[in-house]
Amino acid sequence: MRSRPIVILLLLACLIPIYASEVTHLHLGVGNDYYTMGLGDNLDDGLSFGGHLMVAVQDRIFFTIDALGFTDRIDTSSRYDQININLNSPLDFFWGPLLNTLTPLVGMSLEGDFGFDRLQNNLHQRINRTILNLPYDSLETNVHLNLGATLQTMLPLGWIQVGLEASYLHTFGWENAIQTLAVIKLGSALSLKAGYSIMDDFGGGPAHHTMMDRLNGPTFSYYFDGGLVTNSWIYHRNSGSSYGVFGIDVMQLFQPVTYEHTDFTYSLGALYDLVGHQNKAFSLAFGPVILQTLHKSGPMINDPDNPQRRMTVASWMLGYQMEWEATTIVHPYLNTLWGFQRLNLQTSPTNVIIEEFKGSVAVETGIKFGCDGQWVAKNNSYRPRISASIQYIFDTKDIIAMDSAFAKHVGPWIFLLGVGLDIGHDPH
């Protein structure tokens, strides 16, 4: 039974007319719940990991495949796999000053046991994480028809748009999803959304029923299309779960270059602390003003005997950045940042050991390579960088005394080294 979905996917892939002159996007992405942005809690549960494919023909027809692994360690100790295969085509029309986009969708969802447990446990073995042996809700493969639509109404304000979005997706015999969202768009690159989701299940086992409960309620998300690089994230407030996707889109190399200047810069990177944890960094900059989030989550490397103890250490900061030109390639920079730090330690969503917010300041320095407009694809400019930072967290003495392992992540001084990528976007 495990081979049937793979055969279906291969047959569908062969039907896609992939010609360089027709295909405007060929996006491959990988997703994981360790993208928390500091708000979510990485319990390695729920929608835990996945793979994503999107093919767009002339930006009019979009074909997507999402292969997702769901687990429920907390309530039912079971799991299921799901593959969604969908086709949609957005239709734009104006109503007065409002730009409206209606996107009908048709497709199918396959659910059952596709062997994603082996993929997850192979990765866990390589990174020295606990093996997760959970029975499947069902060993059979079931196929369901998808029908839905999304209506987005936006008010253009220059290259900024504000508006509302409503969507409905019915998966026959499986689940139902309704969303209403407020939306802000910055050019064609960044979409920020906040709203409410209503999820219902019509079938499946205990793990699927639990997932619908987790996905209900207030939700926040963003999607950044940086041309060659894409990044998205969604957070569900009621359950504290989150999920992010990092992807690449190789077809951007074959699109006409329209970049002229940078109106805002989106950055992403990975920095490592003295314990060895990877901290994921994301920022948004308008000229010298920068908003930055930095987070790490999951089991503590320095506490390997207690993998059920999971942390989230995150900062949200506002800052000012300066840059100098040493050569045409080498540009030293300096960021000064002020904000807040979240310090969270827990063994389950209902057993929180530490939850504190503290003030924090930081200085980040490093070298950016190249300048805006030097390395370009379509309407984005790319600048790799190397970074080092030092951060101070105020009033941590009592937290450090509470837990010796967690104290290594509390500071008060935190040193980080890493790499990143700045993506300057021209929305015009």
Protein backbone atom coordinates (compact mmCIF):
# COMPACT_ATOMS: atom_id res chain seq x y z
CA MET A 1 0.00 0.00 0.00
CA ARG A 2 2.89 2.37 0.62
CA SER A 3 3.90 2.37 -3.06
CA ARG A 4 0.51 3.50 -4.40
CA PRO A 5 0.82 7.22 -3.48
CA ILE A 6 4.32 7.36 -4.96
CA VAL A 7 3.05 5.94 -8.27
CA ILE A 8 0.22 8.49 -8.33
CA LEU A 9 2.65 11.36 -7.69
CA LEU A 10 4.99 10.20 -10.46
CA LEU A 11 2.13 9.94 -12.94
CA LEU A 12 0.92 13.42 -12.05
CA ALA A 13 4.43 14.85 -12.32
CA CYS A 14 4.76 13.45 -15.83
CA LEU A 15 1.65 15.38 -16.86
CA ILE A 16 3.11 18.78 -15.87
CA PRO A 17 4.32 20.67 -18.98
CA ILE A 18 7.66 21.83 -17.63
CA TYR A 19 9.23 24.05 -20.29
CA ALA A 20 11.50 26.97 -19.40
CA SER A 21 9.38 29.34 -21.50
CA GLU A 22 6.16 28.39 -19.68
CA VAL A 23 7.07 27.57 -16.08
CA THR A 24 7.58 30.70 -13.97
CA HIS A 25 8.06 28.92 -10.63
CA LEU A 26 9.53 25.56 -9.63
CA HIS A 27 9.59 25.68 -5.86
CA LEU A 28 10.95 22.95 -3.59
CA GLY A 29 10.62 23.33 0.17
CA VAL A 30 11.12 21.46 3.43
CA GLY A 31 9.13 22.18 6.57
CA ASN A 32 9.56 21.56 10.28
CA ASP A 33 8.05 22.64 13.57
CA TYR A 34 11.39 23.98 14.85
CA TYR A 35 10.50 27.25 13.10
CA THR A 36 8.73 28.81 16.08
CA MET A 37 9.68 32.51 15.69
CA GLY A 38 9.81 32.38 19.48
CA LEU A 39 6.01 32.29 19.79
CA GLY A 40 5.39 28.61 19.16
CA ASP A 41 6.63 25.74 21.29
CA ASN A 42 8.67 23.09 19.49
CA LEU A 43 7.30 19.89 21.02
CA ASP A 44 8.27 17.82 17.93
CA ASP A 45 4.61 16.92 17.69
CA GLY A 46 1.55 17.77 15.61
CA LEU A 47 2.50 18.78 12.06
CA SER A 48 6.10 17.85 12.67
CA PHE A 49 7.74 17.82 9.21
CA GLY A 50 6.99 17.82 5.49
CA GLY A 51 8.08 18.30 1.90
CA HIS A 52 6.57 20.76 -0.57
CA LEU A 53 6.53 21.20 -4.35
CA MET A 54 4.92 24.05 -6.32
CA VAL A 55 4.96 24.47 -10.09
CA ALA A 56 3.47 27.60 -11.68
CA VAL A 57 2.75 27.98 -15.39
CA GLN A 58 2.86 31.63 -16.51
CA ASP A 59 1.77 32.63 -12.98
CA ARG A 60 -1.75 31.54 -13.93
CA ILE A 61 -1.94 27.84 -13.04
CA PHE A 62 -0.41 26.52 -9.82
CA PHE A 63 0.18 22.83 -9.11
CA THR A 64 1.15 21.90 -5.53
CA ILE A 65 2.10 18.74 -3.69
CA ASP A 66 2.46 18.75 0.11
CA ALA A 67 3.68 15.58 1.88
CA LEU A 68 3.05 15.96 5.63
CA GLY A 69 3.83 13.89 8.72
CA PHE A 70 1.45 14.29 11.67
CA THR A 71 2.05 12.88 15.15
CA ASP A 72 0.21 13.05 18.48
CA ARG A 73 2.48 11.96 21.30
CA ILE A 74 0.63 13.95 23.95
CA ASP A 75 -2.98 12.74 23.85
CA THR A 76 -3.48 9.64 21.68
CA SER A 77 0.03 8.25 21.02
CA SER A 78 -0.74 7.74 17.32
CA ARG A 79 0.10 9.28 13.95
CA TYR A 80 -0.89 9.58 10.28
CA ASP A 81 0.63 10.74 6.98
CA GLN A 82 -1.09 12.98 4.45
CA ILE A 83 -0.33 13.99 0.85
CA ASN A 84 -2.25 16.90 -0.67
CA ILE A 85 -2.24 17.33 -4.46
CA ASN A 86 -4.01 20.47 -5.64
CA LEU A 87 -4.48 22.68 -8.69
CA ASN A 88 -5.55 26.33 -8.45
CA SER A 89 -5.75 29.35 -10.73
CA PRO A 90 -6.13 32.92 -9.33
CA LEU A 91 -8.46 35.35 -11.10
CA ASP A 92 -7.89 39.09 -10.51
CA PHE A 93 -10.53 41.82 -10.89
CA PHE A 94 -11.06 45.35 -9.61
CA TRP A 95 -14.11 46.60 -7.75
CA GLY A 96 -13.66 50.32 -7.42
CA PRO A 97 -10.26 50.88 -5.74
CA LEU A 98 -10.15 47.30 -4.41
CA LEU A 99 -8.07 44.58 -6.03
CA ASN A 100 -9.86 41.24 -5.67
CA THR A 101 -8.40 37.80 -6.24
CA LEU A 102 -10.62 34.73 -6.44
CA THR A 103 -8.70 31.45 -6.38
CA PRO A 104 -10.73 28.26 -6.95
CA LEU A 105 -9.02 24.98 -6.00
CA VAL A 106 -9.50 21.35 -6.95
CA GLY A 107 -7.41 18.36 -5.95
CA MET A 108 -7.19 15.34 -3.72
CA SER A 109 -5.78 14.27 -0.37
CA LEU A 110 -4.30 10.87 0.38
CA GLU A 111 -4.00 9.77 4.00
CA GLY A 112 -2.71 6.67 5.74
CA ASP A 113 0.69 5.07 6.29
CA PHE A 114 3.23 6.23 3.69
CA GLY A 115 6.33 5.40 5.71
CA PHE A 116 7.02 8.92 6.92
CA ASP A 117 7.75 7.47 10.36
CA ARG A 118 10.92 5.92 8.92
CA LEU A 119 11.99 9.26 7.45
CA GLN A 120 11.46 10.97 10.79
CA ASN A 121 13.30 8.36 12.83
CA ASN A 122 16.22 8.20 10.40
CA LEU A 123 16.66 11.94 10.87
CA HIS A 124 16.28 11.59 14.66
CA GLN A 125 19.05 8.98 14.68
CA ARG A 126 21.41 11.26 12.73
CA ILE A 127 20.85 14.23 15.06
CA ASN A 128 20.79 12.09 18.25
CA ARG A 129 17.10 12.63 19.06
CA THR A 130 14.67 10.19 20.64
CA ILE A 131 13.17 7.60 18.27
CA LEU A 132 9.40 8.06 17.95
CA ASN A 133 7.53 4.76 17.59
CA LEU A 134 3.80 5.51 17.28
CA PRO A 135 1.13 3.31 15.65
CA TYR A 136 -0.74 4.70 12.66
CA ASP A 137 -4.42 5.65 12.84
CA SER A 138 -4.85 3.45 9.75
CA LEU A 139 -2.57 1.28 7.64
CA GLU A 140 -4.81 1.74 4.59
CA THR A 141 -4.49 4.46 1.97
CA ASN A 142 -7.64 6.55 1.54
CA VAL A 143 -8.21 9.13 -1.20
CA HIS A 144 -10.44 12.20 -0.78
CA LEU A 145 -11.59 14.89 -3.21
CA ASN A 146 -10.61 18.51 -2.42
CA LEU A 147 -12.80 21.46 -3.45
CA GLY A 148 -12.33 25.00 -2.22
CA ALA A 149 -11.79 28.67 -2.94
CA THR A 150 -10.08 31.74 -1.51
CA LEU A 151 -11.26 35.34 -1.91
CA GLN A 152 -8.81 38.12 -1.10
CA THR A 153 -9.80 41.80 -1.22
CA MET A 154 -6.96 44.32 -0.97
CA LEU A 155 -6.69 48.12 -0.95
CA PRO A 156 -3.47 49.23 -2.71
CA LEU A 157 -1.55 52.01 -0.94
CA GLY A 158 1.43 52.38 -3.23
CA TRP A 159 3.45 49.16 -2.97
CA ILE A 160 1.72 48.34 0.34
CA GLN A 161 -1.67 46.62 0.35
CA VAL A 162 -4.09 46.02 3.23
CA GLY A 163 -7.21 43.89 3.16
CA LEU A 164 -9.11 40.75 4.08
CA GLU A 165 -9.05 37.10 3.04
CA ALA A 166 -11.63 34.35 3.39
CA SER A 167 -11.08 30.73 2.39
CA TYR A 168 -13.01 27.48 2.39
CA LEU A 169 -11.60 23.99 1.71
CA HIS A 170 -13.72 20.86 1.86
CA THR A 171 -11.96 17.49 1.79
CA PHE A 172 -14.77 15.00 1.30
CA GLY A 173 -14.97 12.37 4.02
CA TRP A 174 -11.94 13.79 5.81
CA GLU A 175 -11.93 17.42 6.99
CA ASN A 176 -13.26 20.92 6.55
CA ALA A 177 -11.30 24.20 6.86
CA ILE A 178 -12.62 27.79 7.05
CA GLN A 179 -10.37 30.82 7.57
CA THR A 180 -10.96 34.57 7.87
CA LEU A 181 -7.82 36.71 7.93
CA ALA A 182 -6.60 40.28 7.93
CA VAL A 183 -3.74 40.74 5.41
CA ILE A 184 -0.87 43.17 4.89
CA LYS A 185 1.32 42.84 1.78
CA LEU A 186 4.65 44.51 1.13
CA GLY A 187 5.15 44.45 -2.61
CA SER A 188 4.99 41.00 -4.15
CA ALA A 189 7.35 39.58 -1.54
CA LEU A 190 5.97 39.62 2.00
CA SER A 191 2.45 38.73 3.18
CA LEU A 192 1.49 39.01 6.86
CA LYS A 193 -1.79 37.42 8.01
CA ALA A 194 -3.72 37.17 11.27
CA GLY A 195 -7.17 35.73 11.85
CA TYR A 196 -9.20 32.70 12.88
CA SER A 197 -9.43 29.09 11.67
CA ILE A 198 -12.36 26.70 12.07
CA MET A 199 -11.44 23.05 11.51
CA ASP A 200 -13.74 19.99 11.50
CA ASP A 201 -12.97 16.33 10.91
CA PHE A 202 -15.33 13.86 9.23
CA GLY A 203 -13.12 10.78 9.38
CA GLY A 204 -9.79 9.36 10.40
CA GLY A 205 -8.58 8.19 13.76
CA PRO A 206 -7.68 9.78 17.11
CA ALA A 207 -4.55 11.58 15.85
CA HIS A 208 -6.50 13.31 13.07
CA HIS A 209 -9.24 14.39 15.47
CA THR A 210 -6.62 15.85 17.82
CA MET A 211 -4.93 17.72 14.96
CA MET A 212 -8.18 19.46 14.05
CA ASP A 213 -8.48 20.67 17.64
CA ARG A 214 -4.89 21.97 17.55
CA LEU A 215 -5.44 23.91 14.33
CA ASN A 216 -8.64 25.59 15.51
CA GLY A 217 -8.64 29.16 16.76
CA PRO A 218 -6.49 32.28 16.29
CA THR A 219 -3.70 31.94 13.75
CA PHE A 220 -0.79 34.10 12.57
CA SER A 221 1.35 33.55 9.50
CA TYR A 222 3.66 35.09 6.95
CA TYR A 223 5.01 34.19 3.52
CA PHE A 224 8.15 35.70 2.04
CA ASP A 225 8.90 35.25 -1.64
CA GLY A 226 12.52 36.26 -2.08
CA GLY A 227 12.81 34.96 -5.62
CA LEU A 228 15.43 32.23 -5.32
CA VAL A 229 14.68 31.81 -1.60
CA THR A 230 11.27 31.51 0.06
CA ASN A 231 10.28 31.24 3.69
CA SER A 232 6.91 30.82 5.40
CA TRP A 233 5.60 30.27 8.92
CA ILE A 234 2.26 29.67 10.64
CA TYR A 235 1.38 29.72 14.34
CA HIS A 236 -1.76 28.39 16.06
CA ARG A 237 -2.41 30.25 19.30
CA ASN A 238 -4.65 27.75 21.10
CA SER A 239 -2.24 24.83 20.87
CA GLY A 240 1.04 26.78 20.75
CA SER A 241 2.05 24.78 17.67
CA SER A 242 3.86 26.29 14.69
CA TYR A 243 5.34 25.17 11.39
CA GLY A 244 7.74 26.79 8.94
CA VAL A 245 8.98 26.05 5.42
CA PHE A 246 12.27 27.00 3.78
CA GLY A 247 12.43 26.64 0.01
CA ILE A 248 14.22 27.47 -3.22
CA ASP A 249 12.77 28.43 -6.61
CA VAL A 250 15.29 27.75 -9.38
CA MET A 251 13.13 29.23 -12.17
CA GLN A 252 13.84 32.74 -10.89
CA LEU A 253 17.24 32.49 -12.58
CA PHE A 254 15.47 32.41 -15.95
CA GLN A 255 13.11 35.36 -15.37
CA PRO A 256 13.77 38.90 -16.71
CA VAL A 257 15.64 41.12 -14.23
CA THR A 258 13.46 44.01 -13.01
CA TYR A 259 15.46 45.02 -9.91
CA GLU A 260 16.39 48.73 -9.72
CA HIS A 261 16.72 49.52 -5.99
CA THR A 262 15.91 48.07 -2.56
CA ASP A 263 12.85 49.35 -0.71
CA PHE A 264 13.10 46.84 2.14
CA THR A 265 15.38 43.95 3.10
CA TYR A 266 14.40 40.55 4.47
CA SER A 267 17.20 38.56 6.12
CA LEU A 268 17.52 35.02 7.38
CA GLY A 269 20.43 33.22 8.97
CA ALA A 270 21.75 30.64 11.40
CA LEU A 271 23.92 31.52 14.40
CA TYR A 272 25.49 29.11 16.90
CA ASP A 273 25.95 29.71 20.62
CA LEU A 274 28.69 28.38 22.89
CA VAL A 275 26.60 25.30 23.77
CA GLY A 276 26.30 24.38 20.08
CA HIS A 277 22.63 25.18 19.53
CA GLN A 278 21.55 26.66 16.23
CA ASN A 279 19.67 29.95 16.57
CA LYS A 280 17.48 30.89 13.61
CA ALA A 281 17.55 34.61 12.77
CA PHE A 282 15.02 36.58 10.73
CA SER A 283 14.81 40.33 10.24
CA LEU A 284 13.04 43.01 8.25
CA ALA A 285 14.81 46.32 7.55
CA PHE A 286 13.62 49.63 6.13
CA GLY A 287 16.76 51.64 5.53
CA PRO A 288 18.72 51.81 8.80
CA VAL A 289 15.79 50.62 10.97
CA ILE A 290 15.66 46.89 11.60
CA LEU A 291 13.22 44.47 13.29
CA GLN A 292 14.79 41.16 14.28
CA THR A 293 13.72 37.89 15.81
CA LEU A 294 16.14 35.19 16.97
CA HIS A 295 15.11 31.84 18.39
CA LYS A 296 16.21 28.33 19.32
CA SER A 297 13.92 25.54 20.49
CA GLY A 298 13.75 21.86 21.30
CA PRO A 299 15.73 19.57 23.64
CA MET A 300 18.85 20.98 25.25
CA ILE A 301 22.12 19.59 23.88
CA ASN A 302 23.65 19.89 27.34
CA ASP A 303 20.82 17.82 28.90
CA PRO A 304 20.77 14.64 26.75
CA ASP A 305 19.33 12.43 29.48
CA ASN A 306 16.06 14.42 29.56
CA PRO A 307 14.84 14.78 25.96
CA GLN A 308 11.29 15.43 27.17
CA ARG A 309 12.46 18.76 28.60
CA ARG A 310 12.21 21.30 25.77
CA MET A 311 13.11 24.96 25.67
CA THR A 312 12.30 28.04 23.66
CA VAL A 313 14.74 30.94 23.94
CA ALA A 314 13.84 33.85 21.68
CA SER A 315 14.32 37.58 21.29
CA TRP A 316 12.33 40.25 19.48
CA MET A 317 14.31 43.44 18.94
CA LEU A 318 14.23 46.83 17.27
CA GLY A 319 17.52 48.30 16.15
CA TYR A 320 19.61 50.62 14.07
CA GLN A 321 22.13 49.39 11.47
CA MET A 322 25.19 51.02 9.96
CA GLU A 323 27.35 49.86 7.07
CA TRP A 324 30.68 50.87 5.53
CA GLU A 325 32.42 50.04 2.26
CA ALA A 326 35.88 48.52 2.70
CA THR A 327 36.05 47.28 -0.90
CA THR A 328 33.42 46.74 -3.60
CA ILE A 329 32.92 43.24 -2.18
CA VAL A 330 33.54 43.65 1.57
CA HIS A 331 31.11 45.79 3.59
CA PRO A 332 31.53 45.74 7.40
CA TYR A 333 28.34 46.46 9.35
CA LEU A 334 27.18 47.13 12.90
CA ASN A 335 23.71 46.68 14.41
CA THR A 336 22.60 47.92 17.84
CA LEU A 337 19.41 46.26 19.11
CA TRP A 338 16.98 46.64 22.03
CA GLY A 339 14.02 44.46 22.96
CA PHE A 340 12.74 41.47 24.91
CA GLN A 341 13.82 37.89 25.53
CA ARG A 342 11.48 34.93 26.06
CA LEU A 343 12.85 32.19 28.33
CA ASN A 344 10.66 29.08 28.30
CA LEU A 345 11.26 25.56 29.65
CA GLN A 346 8.61 22.84 29.69
CA THR A 347 7.99 19.11 29.53
CA SER A 348 4.55 19.37 27.87
CA PRO A 349 2.07 22.09 26.91
CA THR A 350 0.51 21.80 30.37
CA ASN A 351 3.72 21.43 32.40
CA VAL A 352 5.62 24.71 32.05
CA ILE A 353 8.62 24.91 34.35
CA ILE A 354 9.81 28.42 33.41
CA GLU A 355 8.07 31.15 31.42
CA GLU A 356 9.71 34.57 31.71
CA PHE A 357 10.14 37.70 29.60
CA LYS A 358 13.17 39.90 30.20
CA GLY A 359 14.63 43.03 28.68
CA SER A 360 17.65 42.60 26.43
CA VAL A 361 20.23 44.55 24.42
CA ALA A 362 22.59 43.29 21.72
CA VAL A 363 25.34 44.34 19.36
CA GLU A 364 25.83 42.50 16.09
CA THR A 365 28.72 42.98 13.70
CA GLY A 366 30.13 41.24 10.67
CA ILE A 367 30.75 41.52 6.95
CA LYS A 368 28.22 41.72 4.13
CA PHE A 369 29.53 40.65 0.75
CA GLY A 370 28.67 42.62 -2.34
CA CYS A 371 26.28 45.56 -2.53
CA ASP A 372 22.64 46.05 -3.48
CA GLY A 373 22.15 45.28 -7.16
CA GLN A 374 25.39 43.31 -7.57
CA TRP A 375 23.89 39.79 -7.49
CA VAL A 376 20.30 39.88 -8.73
CA ALA A 377 17.50 37.57 -9.82
CA LYS A 378 14.23 39.06 -11.05
CA ASN A 379 13.39 41.86 -8.54
CA ASN A 380 15.59 40.73 -5.64
CA SER A 381 19.22 41.41 -4.73
CA TYR A 382 21.24 38.93 -2.65
CA ARG A 383 24.05 39.62 -0.19
CA PRO A 384 25.58 36.80 1.94
CA ARG A 385 27.08 37.76 5.29
CA ILE A 386 29.04 36.43 8.26
CA SER A 387 27.98 37.61 11.70
CA ALA A 388 28.99 37.75 15.34
CA SER A 389 26.87 39.11 18.18
CA ILE A 390 26.92 39.64 21.91
CA GLN A 391 23.66 39.93 23.84
CA TYR A 392 22.90 40.83 27.44
CA ILE A 393 19.68 39.72 29.19
CA PHE A 394 18.61 41.68 32.26
CA ASP A 395 17.56 40.23 35.62
CA THR A 396 18.30 36.53 35.04
CA LYS A 397 19.81 35.62 38.41
CA ASP A 398 16.69 33.89 39.78
CA ILE A 399 16.11 31.93 36.53
CA ILE A 400 19.70 30.71 36.46
CA ALA A 401 19.31 29.43 40.03
CA MET A 402 16.17 27.44 39.11
CA ASP A 403 17.71 24.99 36.62
CA SER A 404 21.40 24.30 36.05
CA ALA A 405 21.01 22.92 32.50
CA PHE A 406 18.73 25.72 31.34
CA ALA A 407 21.07 28.27 32.94
CA LYS A 408 23.52 27.71 30.06
CA HIS A 409 20.93 29.27 27.72
CA VAL A 410 19.83 32.13 29.94
CA GLY A 411 23.02 34.17 29.92
CA PRO A 412 23.10 36.87 31.10
CA TRP A 413 25.75 37.12 28.33
CA ILE A 414 25.12 35.23 25.09
CA PHE A 415 27.69 35.01 22.27
CA LEU A 416 26.74 33.93 18.73
CA LEU A 417 28.57 33.25 15.46
CA GLY A 418 26.98 32.43 12.13
CA VAL A 419 26.06 33.17 8.52
CA GLY A 420 23.10 34.75 6.81
CA LEU A 421 21.59 36.09 3.62
CA ASP A 422 20.15 39.59 3.03
CA ILE A 423 17.50 39.81 0.30
CA GLY A 424 16.84 43.31 -0.91
CA HIS A 425 13.40 43.56 -2.55
CA ASP A 426 12.25 46.00 -5.21
CA PRO A 427 8.42 45.94 -5.17
CA HIS A 428 7.94 48.14 -8.25
